[in-house]
Amino acid sequence: MSVRIGKITSKFQITIPSEIREAVGANVGDQVLFQVNEKGEIVIRPLRIPTVDEVYGSLHQEKISYIPLDEARRITHDELAARQFQKKSGLDS
């Protein structure tokens, strides 16, 4: 584990020592996460945002077939009518 001392500037900025930057692979423009743990210690972690290529397909959805607008309206109307009928008939448990 590397330990280095840094300094807070008058603008409250901190320079991350090169050895630490290299150890975590931090680059200019990267984001970091600041956290204060239960001991009151400041924990700084690189915030790695996955690329589009890395998340592509992770939110896979089944393909939805195309339904013409008139057909979609008819289906919606029929389903709403059935729900209303069930509610009025006391069948909606």
PDB file of N, CA and C in Angstrom:
ATOM      1  N   MET A   1       0.850  -1.178   0.000  1.00  0.00           N
ATOM      2  CA  MET A   1       0.000   0.000   0.000  1.00  0.00           C
ATOM      3  C   MET A   1       0.890   1.234   0.000  1.00  0.00           C
ATOM      4  N   SER A   2       0.614   2.153  -0.908  1.00  0.00           N
ATOM      5  CA  SER A   2       1.381   3.398  -0.985  1.00  0.00           C
ATOM      6  C   SER A   2       0.760   4.450  -0.083  1.00  0.00           C
ATOM      7  N   VAL A   3       1.599   5.195   0.587  1.00  0.00           N
ATOM      8  CA  VAL A   3       1.146   6.306   1.421  1.00  0.00           C
ATOM      9  C   VAL A   3       1.941   7.529   1.015  1.00  0.00           C
ATOM     10  N   ARG A   4       1.265   8.585   0.695  1.00  0.00           N
ATOM     11  CA  ARG A   4       1.902   9.841   0.321  1.00  0.00           C
ATOM     12  C   ARG A   4       1.172  10.974   1.022  1.00  0.00           C
ATOM     13  N   ILE A   5       1.859  12.082   1.215  1.00  0.00           N
ATOM     14  CA  ILE A   5       1.268  13.251   1.850  1.00  0.00           C
ATOM     15  C   ILE A   5       0.978  14.283   0.776  1.00  0.00           C
ATOM     16  N   GLY A   6      -0.218  14.851   0.833  1.00  0.00           N
ATOM     17  CA  GLY A   6      -0.609  15.901  -0.096  1.00  0.00           C
ATOM     18  C   GLY A   6      -0.911  17.165   0.685  1.00  0.00           C
ATOM     19  N   LYS A   7      -1.286  18.186  -0.032  1.00  0.00           N
ATOM     20  CA  LYS A   7      -1.567  19.469   0.602  1.00  0.00           C
ATOM     21  C   LYS A   7      -2.816  20.068  -0.031  1.00  0.00           C
ATOM     22  N   ILE A   8      -3.645  20.699   0.783  1.00  0.00           N
ATOM     23  CA  ILE A   8      -4.838  21.371   0.298  1.00  0.00           C
ATOM     24  C   ILE A   8      -4.460  22.815  -0.019  1.00  0.00           C
ATOM     25  N   THR A   9      -4.754  23.257  -1.240  1.00  0.00           N
ATOM     26  CA  THR A   9      -4.409  24.623  -1.651  1.00  0.00           C
ATOM     27  C   THR A   9      -5.450  25.617  -1.136  1.00  0.00           C
ATOM     28  N   SER A  10      -5.202  26.898  -1.384  1.00  0.00           N
ATOM     29  CA  SER A  10      -6.139  27.943  -0.955  1.00  0.00           C
ATOM     30  C   SER A  10      -7.499  27.816  -1.649  1.00  0.00           C
ATOM     31  N   LYS A  11      -7.539  27.094  -2.766  1.00  0.00           N
ATOM     32  CA  LYS A  11      -8.803  26.848  -3.478  1.00  0.00           C
ATOM     33  C   LYS A  11      -9.377  25.474  -3.117  1.00  0.00           C
ATOM     34  N   PHE A  12      -8.853  24.883  -2.054  1.00  0.00           N
ATOM     35  CA  PHE A  12      -9.276  23.565  -1.567  1.00  0.00           C
ATOM     36  C   PHE A  12      -9.072  22.470  -2.607  1.00  0.00           C
ATOM     37  N   GLN A  13      -8.026  22.587  -3.397  1.00  0.00           N
ATOM     38  CA  GLN A  13      -7.681  21.566  -4.375  1.00  0.00           C
ATOM     39  C   GLN A  13      -6.570  20.695  -3.810  1.00  0.00           C
ATOM     40  N   ILE A  14      -6.565  19.438  -4.237  1.00  0.00           N
ATOM     41  CA  ILE A  14      -5.551  18.479  -3.797  1.00  0.00           C
ATOM     42  C   ILE A  14      -4.903  17.889  -5.041  1.00  0.00           C
ATOM     43  N   THR A  15      -3.582  17.836  -5.061  1.00  0.00           N
ATOM     44  CA  THR A  15      -2.873  17.164  -6.148  1.00  0.00           C
ATOM     45  C   THR A  15      -2.640  15.721  -5.721  1.00  0.00           C
ATOM     46  N   ILE A  16      -3.043  14.803  -6.580  1.00  0.00           N
ATOM     47  CA  ILE A  16      -2.827  13.386  -6.282  1.00  0.00           C
ATOM     48  C   ILE A  16      -1.409  13.043  -6.710  1.00  0.00           C
ATOM     49  N   PRO A  17      -0.583  12.556  -5.789  1.00  0.00           N
ATOM     50  CA  PRO A  17       0.806  12.220  -6.130  1.00  0.00           C
ATOM     51  C   PRO A  17       0.868  11.228  -7.297  1.00  0.00           C
ATOM     52  N   SER A  18       1.897  11.370  -8.130  1.00  0.00           N
ATOM     53  CA  SER A  18       2.015  10.557  -9.342  1.00  0.00           C
ATOM     54  C   SER A  18       2.007   9.062  -9.052  1.00  0.00           C
ATOM     55  N   GLU A  19       2.664   8.637  -7.986  1.00  0.00           N
ATOM     56  CA  GLU A  19       2.695   7.205  -7.658  1.00  0.00           C
ATOM     57  C   GLU A  19       1.283   6.673  -7.394  1.00  0.00           C
ATOM     58  N   ILE A  20       0.469   7.472  -6.727  1.00  0.00           N
ATOM     59  CA  ILE A  20      -0.910   7.067  -6.438  1.00  0.00           C
ATOM     60  C   ILE A  20      -1.733   7.079  -7.729  1.00  0.00           C
ATOM     61  N   ARG A  21      -1.584   8.128  -8.541  1.00  0.00           N
ATOM     62  CA  ARG A  21      -2.313   8.210  -9.823  1.00  0.00           C
ATOM     63  C   ARG A  21      -2.010   7.003 -10.692  1.00  0.00           C
ATOM     64  N   GLU A  22      -0.722   6.659 -10.775  1.00  0.00           N
ATOM     65  CA  GLU A  22      -0.320   5.522 -11.606  1.00  0.00           C
ATOM     66  C   GLU A  22      -0.859   4.211 -11.051  1.00  0.00           C
ATOM     67  N   ALA A  23      -0.874   4.088  -9.730  1.00  0.00           N
ATOM     68  CA  ALA A  23      -1.345   2.845  -9.104  1.00  0.00           C
ATOM     69  C   ALA A  23      -2.818   2.577  -9.402  1.00  0.00           C
ATOM     70  N   VAL A  24      -3.607   3.652  -9.503  1.00  0.00           N
ATOM     71  CA  VAL A  24      -5.041   3.464  -9.762  1.00  0.00           C
ATOM     72  C   VAL A  24      -5.422   3.745 -11.212  1.00  0.00           C
ATOM     73  N   GLY A  25      -4.448   4.141 -12.020  1.00  0.00           N
ATOM     74  CA  GLY A  25      -4.710   4.403 -13.435  1.00  0.00           C
ATOM     75  C   GLY A  25      -5.518   5.665 -13.673  1.00  0.00           C
ATOM     76  N   ALA A  26      -5.361   6.664 -12.809  1.00  0.00           N
ATOM     77  CA  ALA A  26      -6.107   7.919 -12.951  1.00  0.00           C
ATOM     78  C   ALA A  26      -5.502   8.784 -14.045  1.00  0.00           C
ATOM     79  N   ASN A  27      -6.357   9.436 -14.788  1.00  0.00           N
ATOM     80  CA  ASN A  27      -5.934  10.314 -15.878  1.00  0.00           C
ATOM     81  C   ASN A  27      -6.626  11.663 -15.769  1.00  0.00           C
ATOM     82  N   VAL A  28      -6.099  12.638 -16.492  1.00  0.00           N
ATOM     83  CA  VAL A  28      -6.701  13.969 -16.529  1.00  0.00           C
ATOM     84  C   VAL A  28      -8.153  13.838 -16.984  1.00  0.00           C
ATOM     85  N   GLY A  29      -9.050  14.489 -16.284  1.00  0.00           N
ATOM     86  CA  GLY A  29     -10.467  14.461 -16.643  1.00  0.00           C
ATOM     87  C   GLY A  29     -11.255  13.358 -15.969  1.00  0.00           C
ATOM     88  N   ASP A  30     -10.570  12.388 -15.345  1.00  0.00           N
ATOM     89  CA  ASP A  30     -11.279  11.324 -14.637  1.00  0.00           C
ATOM     90  C   ASP A  30     -12.016  11.914 -13.439  1.00  0.00           C
ATOM     91  N   GLN A  31     -13.097  11.266 -13.057  1.00  0.00           N
ATOM     92  CA  GLN A  31     -13.833  11.683 -11.874  1.00  0.00           C
ATOM     93  C   GLN A  31     -13.424  10.807 -10.701  1.00  0.00           C
ATOM     94  N   VAL A  32     -13.490  11.389  -9.491  1.00  0.00           N
ATOM     95  CA  VAL A  32     -13.199  10.630  -8.278  1.00  0.00           C
ATOM     96  C   VAL A  32     -14.363  10.788  -7.313  1.00  0.00           C
ATOM     97  N   LEU A  33     -14.530   9.799  -6.479  1.00  0.00           N
ATOM     98  CA  LEU A  33     -15.588   9.785  -5.482  1.00  0.00           C
ATOM     99  C   LEU A  33     -14.972  10.085  -4.128  1.00  0.00           C
ATOM    100  N   PHE A  34     -15.512  11.077  -3.430  1.00  0.00           N
ATOM    101  CA  PHE A  34     -15.054  11.418  -2.087  1.00  0.00           C
ATOM    102  C   PHE A  34     -16.080  10.887  -1.095  1.00  0.00           C
ATOM    103  N   GLN A  35     -15.580  10.225  -0.051  1.00  0.00           N
ATOM    104  CA  GLN A  35     -16.472   9.655   0.950  1.00  0.00           C
ATOM    105  C   GLN A  35     -15.827   9.805   2.320  1.00  0.00           C
ATOM    106  N   VAL A  36     -16.628  10.107   3.329  1.00  0.00           N
ATOM    107  CA  VAL A  36     -16.139  10.141   4.708  1.00  0.00           C
ATOM    108  C   VAL A  36     -16.690   8.891   5.381  1.00  0.00           C
ATOM    109  N   ASN A  37     -15.792   8.024   5.866  1.00  0.00           N
ATOM    110  CA  ASN A  37     -16.247   6.782   6.490  1.00  0.00           C
ATOM    111  C   ASN A  37     -16.611   7.006   7.958  1.00  0.00           C
ATOM    112  N   GLU A  38     -17.011   5.932   8.627  1.00  0.00           N
ATOM    113  CA  GLU A  38     -17.468   6.029  10.019  1.00  0.00           C
ATOM    114  C   GLU A  38     -16.368   6.447  10.988  1.00  0.00           C
ATOM    115  N   LYS A  39     -15.113   6.330  10.587  1.00  0.00           N
ATOM    116  CA  LYS A  39     -13.987   6.758  11.430  1.00  0.00           C
ATOM    117  C   LYS A  39     -13.635   8.226  11.187  1.00  0.00           C
ATOM    118  N   GLY A  40     -14.353   8.889  10.282  1.00  0.00           N
ATOM    119  CA  GLY A  40     -14.058  10.277   9.953  1.00  0.00           C
ATOM    120  C   GLY A  40     -12.918  10.421   8.961  1.00  0.00           C
ATOM    121  N   GLU A  41     -12.534   9.329   8.314  1.00  0.00           N
ATOM    122  CA  GLU A  41     -11.451   9.355   7.328  1.00  0.00           C
ATOM    123  C   GLU A  41     -12.022   9.682   5.948  1.00  0.00           C
ATOM    124  N   ILE A  42     -11.258  10.425   5.181  1.00  0.00           N
ATOM    125  CA  ILE A  42     -11.661  10.738   3.812  1.00  0.00           C
ATOM    126  C   ILE A  42     -11.143   9.628   2.903  1.00  0.00           C
ATOM    127  N   VAL A  43     -12.041   9.044   2.160  1.00  0.00           N
ATOM    128  CA  VAL A  43     -11.686   7.994   1.205  1.00  0.00           C
ATOM    129  C   VAL A  43     -11.921   8.565  -0.193  1.00  0.00           C
ATOM    130  N   ILE A  44     -10.909   8.481  -1.040  1.00  0.00           N
ATOM    131  CA  ILE A  44     -11.017   8.967  -2.416  1.00  0.00           C
ATOM    132  C   ILE A  44     -10.849   7.771  -3.339  1.00  0.00           C
ATOM    133  N   ARG A  45     -11.828   7.570  -4.208  1.00  0.00           N
ATOM    134  CA  ARG A  45     -11.785   6.432  -5.131  1.00  0.00           C
ATOM    135  C   ARG A  45     -11.993   6.913  -6.555  1.00  0.00           C
ATOM    136  N   PRO A  46     -11.306   6.285  -7.501  1.00  0.00           N
ATOM    137  CA  PRO A  46     -11.584   6.623  -8.901  1.00  0.00           C
ATOM    138  C   PRO A  46     -13.021   6.209  -9.218  1.00  0.00           C
ATOM    139  N   LEU A  47     -13.721   7.044  -9.925  1.00  0.00           N
ATOM    140  CA  LEU A  47     -15.089   6.738 -10.325  1.00  0.00           C
ATOM    141  C   LEU A  47     -15.045   6.335 -11.780  1.00  0.00           C
ATOM    142  N   ARG A  48     -15.162   5.064 -12.008  1.00  0.00           N
ATOM    143  CA  ARG A  48     -15.050   4.548 -13.365  1.00  0.00           C
ATOM    144  C   ARG A  48     -16.435   4.425 -13.973  1.00  0.00           C
ATOM    145  N   ILE A  49     -16.669   5.204 -14.999  1.00  0.00           N
ATOM    146  CA  ILE A  49     -17.942   5.162 -15.706  1.00  0.00           C
ATOM    147  C   ILE A  49     -17.768   4.255 -16.916  1.00  0.00           C
ATOM    148  N   PRO A  50     -18.565   3.181 -16.994  1.00  0.00           N
ATOM    149  CA  PRO A  50     -18.402   2.248 -18.107  1.00  0.00           C
ATOM    150  C   PRO A  50     -18.704   2.909 -19.450  1.00  0.00           C
ATOM    151  N   THR A  51     -18.027   2.430 -20.470  1.00  0.00           N
ATOM    152  CA  THR A  51     -18.250   2.947 -21.818  1.00  0.00           C
ATOM    153  C   THR A  51     -19.534   2.348 -22.387  1.00  0.00           C
ATOM    154  N   VAL A  52     -20.019   2.936 -23.454  1.00  0.00           N
ATOM    155  CA  VAL A  52     -21.220   2.435 -24.120  1.00  0.00           C
ATOM    156  C   VAL A  52     -21.008   0.989 -24.559  1.00  0.00           C
ATOM    157  N   ASP A  53     -19.822   0.690 -25.080  1.00  0.00           N
ATOM    158  CA  ASP A  53     -19.534  -0.675 -25.526  1.00  0.00           C
ATOM    159  C   ASP A  53     -19.608  -1.673 -24.375  1.00  0.00           C
ATOM    160  N   GLU A  54     -19.215  -1.247 -23.164  1.00  0.00           N
ATOM    161  CA  GLU A  54     -19.227  -2.149 -22.012  1.00  0.00           C
ATOM    162  C   GLU A  54     -20.638  -2.434 -21.510  1.00  0.00           C
ATOM    163  N   VAL A  55     -21.544  -1.477 -21.644  1.00  0.00           N
ATOM    164  CA  VAL A  55     -22.897  -1.686 -21.133  1.00  0.00           C
ATOM    165  C   VAL A  55     -23.896  -2.088 -22.216  1.00  0.00           C
ATOM    166  N   TYR A  56     -23.453  -2.054 -23.466  1.00  0.00           N
ATOM    167  CA  TYR A  56     -24.361  -2.408 -24.555  1.00  0.00           C
ATOM    168  C   TYR A  56     -24.911  -3.815 -24.340  1.00  0.00           C
ATOM    169  N   GLY A  57     -26.194  -3.915 -24.359  1.00  0.00           N
ATOM    170  CA  GLY A  57     -26.830  -5.216 -24.208  1.00  0.00           C
ATOM    171  C   GLY A  57     -27.117  -5.596 -22.769  1.00  0.00           C
ATOM    172  N   SER A  58     -26.604  -4.852 -21.793  1.00  0.00           N
ATOM    173  CA  SER A  58     -26.847  -5.218 -20.399  1.00  0.00           C
ATOM    174  C   SER A  58     -28.289  -4.948 -19.994  1.00  0.00           C
ATOM    175  N   LEU A  59     -28.955  -4.088 -20.717  1.00  0.00           N
ATOM    176  CA  LEU A  59     -30.357  -3.801 -20.452  1.00  0.00           C
ATOM    177  C   LEU A  59     -31.221  -4.432 -21.537  1.00  0.00           C
ATOM    178  N   HIS A  60     -30.879  -5.656 -21.862  1.00  0.00           N
ATOM    179  CA  HIS A  60     -31.561  -6.362 -22.944  1.00  0.00           C
ATOM    180  C   HIS A  60     -33.058  -6.454 -22.671  1.00  0.00           C
ATOM    181  N   GLN A  61     -33.825  -6.135 -23.666  1.00  0.00           N
ATOM    182  CA  GLN A  61     -35.271  -6.262 -23.585  1.00  0.00           C
ATOM    183  C   GLN A  61     -35.723  -7.176 -24.711  1.00  0.00           C
ATOM    184  N   GLU A  62     -36.774  -7.897 -24.414  1.00  0.00           N
ATOM    185  CA  GLU A  62     -37.351  -8.713 -25.469  1.00  0.00           C
ATOM    186  C   GLU A  62     -37.854  -7.771 -26.551  1.00  0.00           C
ATOM    187  N   LYS A  63     -37.723  -8.204 -27.781  1.00  0.00           N
ATOM    188  CA  LYS A  63     -38.191  -7.360 -28.875  1.00  0.00           C
ATOM    189  C   LYS A  63     -39.710  -7.237 -28.811  1.00  0.00           C
ATOM    190  N   ILE A  64     -40.170  -6.029 -28.967  1.00  0.00           N
ATOM    191  CA  ILE A  64     -41.601  -5.763 -28.973  1.00  0.00           C
ATOM    192  C   ILE A  64     -42.018  -5.633 -30.430  1.00  0.00           C
ATOM    193  N   SER A  65     -42.988  -6.445 -30.795  1.00  0.00           N
ATOM    194  CA  SER A  65     -43.412  -6.400 -32.190  1.00  0.00           C
ATOM    195  C   SER A  65     -44.223  -5.132 -32.446  1.00  0.00           C
ATOM    196  N   TYR A  66     -44.173  -4.690 -33.661  1.00  0.00           N
ATOM    197  CA  TYR A  66     -44.884  -3.477 -34.057  1.00  0.00           C
ATOM    198  C   TYR A  66     -46.379  -3.742 -34.060  1.00  0.00           C
ATOM    199  N   ILE A  67     -47.119  -2.823 -33.449  1.00  0.00           N
ATOM    200  CA  ILE A  67     -48.578  -2.886 -33.478  1.00  0.00           C
ATOM    201  C   ILE A  67     -49.062  -1.547 -34.029  1.00  0.00           C
ATOM    202  N   PRO A  68     -49.875  -1.577 -35.060  1.00  0.00           N
ATOM    203  CA  PRO A  68     -50.411  -0.317 -35.590  1.00  0.00           C
ATOM    204  C   PRO A  68     -51.170   0.443 -34.501  1.00  0.00           C
ATOM    205  N   LEU A  69     -51.178   1.752 -34.592  1.00  0.00           N
ATOM    206  CA  LEU A  69     -51.782   2.598 -33.570  1.00  0.00           C
ATOM    207  C   LEU A  69     -53.241   2.244 -33.310  1.00  0.00           C
ATOM    208  N   ASP A  70     -54.019   2.026 -34.355  1.00  0.00           N
ATOM    209  CA  ASP A  70     -55.434   1.682 -34.165  1.00  0.00           C
ATOM    210  C   ASP A  70     -55.591   0.389 -33.371  1.00  0.00           C
ATOM    211  N   GLU A  71     -54.742  -0.589 -33.660  1.00  0.00           N
ATOM    212  CA  GLU A  71     -54.788  -1.866 -32.941  1.00  0.00           C
ATOM    213  C   GLU A  71     -54.392  -1.672 -31.478  1.00  0.00           C
ATOM    214  N   ALA A  72     -53.364  -0.865 -31.216  1.00  0.00           N
ATOM    215  CA  ALA A  72     -52.933  -0.591 -29.842  1.00  0.00           C
ATOM    216  C   ALA A  72     -54.044   0.097 -29.059  1.00  0.00           C
ATOM    217  N   ARG A  73     -54.728   1.034 -29.700  1.00  0.00           N
ATOM    218  CA  ARG A  73     -55.858   1.710 -29.038  1.00  0.00           C
ATOM    219  C   ARG A  73     -56.976   0.722 -28.719  1.00  0.00           C
ATOM    220  N   ARG A  74     -57.269  -0.175 -29.666  1.00  0.00           N
ATOM    221  CA  ARG A  74     -58.337  -1.152 -29.450  1.00  0.00           C
ATOM    222  C   ARG A  74     -57.995  -2.072 -28.278  1.00  0.00           C
ATOM    223  N   ILE A  75     -56.736  -2.545 -28.234  1.00  0.00           N
ATOM    224  CA  ILE A  75     -56.300  -3.426 -27.148  1.00  0.00           C
ATOM    225  C   ILE A  75     -56.407  -2.702 -25.810  1.00  0.00           C
ATOM    226  N   THR A  76     -55.935  -1.461 -25.771  1.00  0.00           N
ATOM    227  CA  THR A  76     -55.993  -0.676 -24.543  1.00  0.00           C
ATOM    228  C   THR A  76     -57.439  -0.473 -24.112  1.00  0.00           C
ATOM    229  N   HIS A  77     -58.303  -0.129 -25.057  1.00  0.00           N
ATOM    230  CA  HIS A  77     -59.722   0.077 -24.757  1.00  0.00           C
ATOM    231  C   HIS A  77     -60.332  -1.197 -24.193  1.00  0.00           C
ATOM    232  N   ASP A  78     -60.057  -2.333 -24.824  1.00  0.00           N
ATOM    233  CA  ASP A  78     -60.607  -3.609 -24.369  1.00  0.00           C
ATOM    234  C   ASP A  78     -60.119  -3.958 -22.966  1.00  0.00           C
ATOM    235  N   GLU A  79     -58.824  -3.724 -22.696  1.00  0.00           N
ATOM    236  CA  GLU A  79     -58.283  -4.036 -21.373  1.00  0.00           C
ATOM    237  C   GLU A  79     -58.879  -3.131 -20.302  1.00  0.00           C
ATOM    238  N   LEU A  80     -59.026  -1.852 -20.615  1.00  0.00           N
ATOM    239  CA  LEU A  80     -59.633  -0.927 -19.656  1.00  0.00           C
ATOM    240  C   LEU A  80     -61.094  -1.280 -19.402  1.00  0.00           C
ATOM    241  N   ALA A  81     -61.806  -1.648 -20.451  1.00  0.00           N
ATOM    242  CA  ALA A  81     -63.206  -2.043 -20.301  1.00  0.00           C
ATOM    243  C   ALA A  81     -63.317  -3.295 -19.434  1.00  0.00           C
ATOM    244  N   ALA A  82     -62.420  -4.255 -19.641  1.00  0.00           N
ATOM    245  CA  ALA A  82     -62.439  -5.483 -18.839  1.00  0.00           C
ATOM    246  C   ALA A  82     -62.148  -5.177 -17.372  1.00  0.00           C
ATOM    247  N   ARG A  83     -61.191  -4.302 -17.105  1.00  0.00           N
ATOM    248  CA  ARG A  83     -60.879  -3.928 -15.719  1.00  0.00           C
ATOM    249  C   ARG A  83     -62.066  -3.231 -15.062  1.00  0.00           C
ATOM    250  N   GLN A  84     -62.697  -2.326 -15.807  1.00  0.00           N
ATOM    251  CA  GLN A  84     -63.837  -1.597 -15.265  1.00  0.00           C
ATOM    252  C   GLN A  84     -64.985  -2.562 -14.971  1.00  0.00           C
ATOM    253  N   PHE A  85     -65.211  -3.516 -15.868  1.00  0.00           N
ATOM    254  CA  PHE A  85     -66.257  -4.511 -15.655  1.00  0.00           C
ATOM    255  C   PHE A  85     -65.970  -5.337 -14.405  1.00  0.00           C
ATOM    256  N   GLN A  86     -64.705  -5.779 -14.252  1.00  0.00           N
ATOM    257  CA  GLN A  86     -64.329  -6.563 -13.079  1.00  0.00           C
ATOM    258  C   GLN A  86     -64.528  -5.769 -11.797  1.00  0.00           C
ATOM    259  N   LYS A  87     -64.181  -4.507 -11.836  1.00  0.00           N
ATOM    260  CA  LYS A  87     -64.307  -3.654 -10.658  1.00  0.00           C
ATOM    261  C   LYS A  87     -65.779  -3.493 -10.270  1.00  0.00           C
ATOM    262  N   LYS A  88     -66.634  -3.214 -11.262  1.00  0.00           N
ATOM    263  CA  LYS A  88     -68.057  -3.025 -10.996  1.00  0.00           C
ATOM    264  C   LYS A  88     -68.730  -4.325 -10.586  1.00  0.00           C
ATOM    265  N   SER A  89     -68.216  -5.445 -11.064  1.00  0.00           N
ATOM    266  CA  SER A  89     -68.799  -6.751 -10.758  1.00  0.00           C
ATOM    267  C   SER A  89     -68.281  -7.322  -9.451  1.00  0.00           C
ATOM    268  N   GLY A  90     -67.298  -6.656  -8.852  1.00  0.00           N
ATOM    269  CA  GLY A  90     -66.712  -7.157  -7.612  1.00  0.00           C
ATOM    270  C   GLY A  90     -65.764  -8.310  -7.832  1.00  0.00           C
ATOM    271  N   LEU A  91     -65.264  -8.457  -9.038  1.00  0.00           N
ATOM    272  CA  LEU A  91     -64.359  -9.558  -9.364  1.00  0.00           C
ATOM    273  C   LEU A  91     -62.891  -9.168  -9.244  1.00  0.00           C
ATOM    274  N   ASP A  92     -62.613  -7.932  -8.842  1.00  0.00           N
ATOM    275  CA  ASP A  92     -61.227  -7.443  -8.781  1.00  0.00           C
ATOM    276  C   ASP A  92     -60.641  -7.636  -7.391  1.00  0.00           C
ATOM    277  N   SER A  93     -60.189  -8.807  -7.087  1.00  0.00           N
ATOM    278  CA  SER A  93     -59.634  -9.085  -5.755  1.00  0.00           C
ATOM    279  C   SER A  93     -58.176  -8.824  -5.722  1.00  0.00           C
TER     280      SER A  93
END
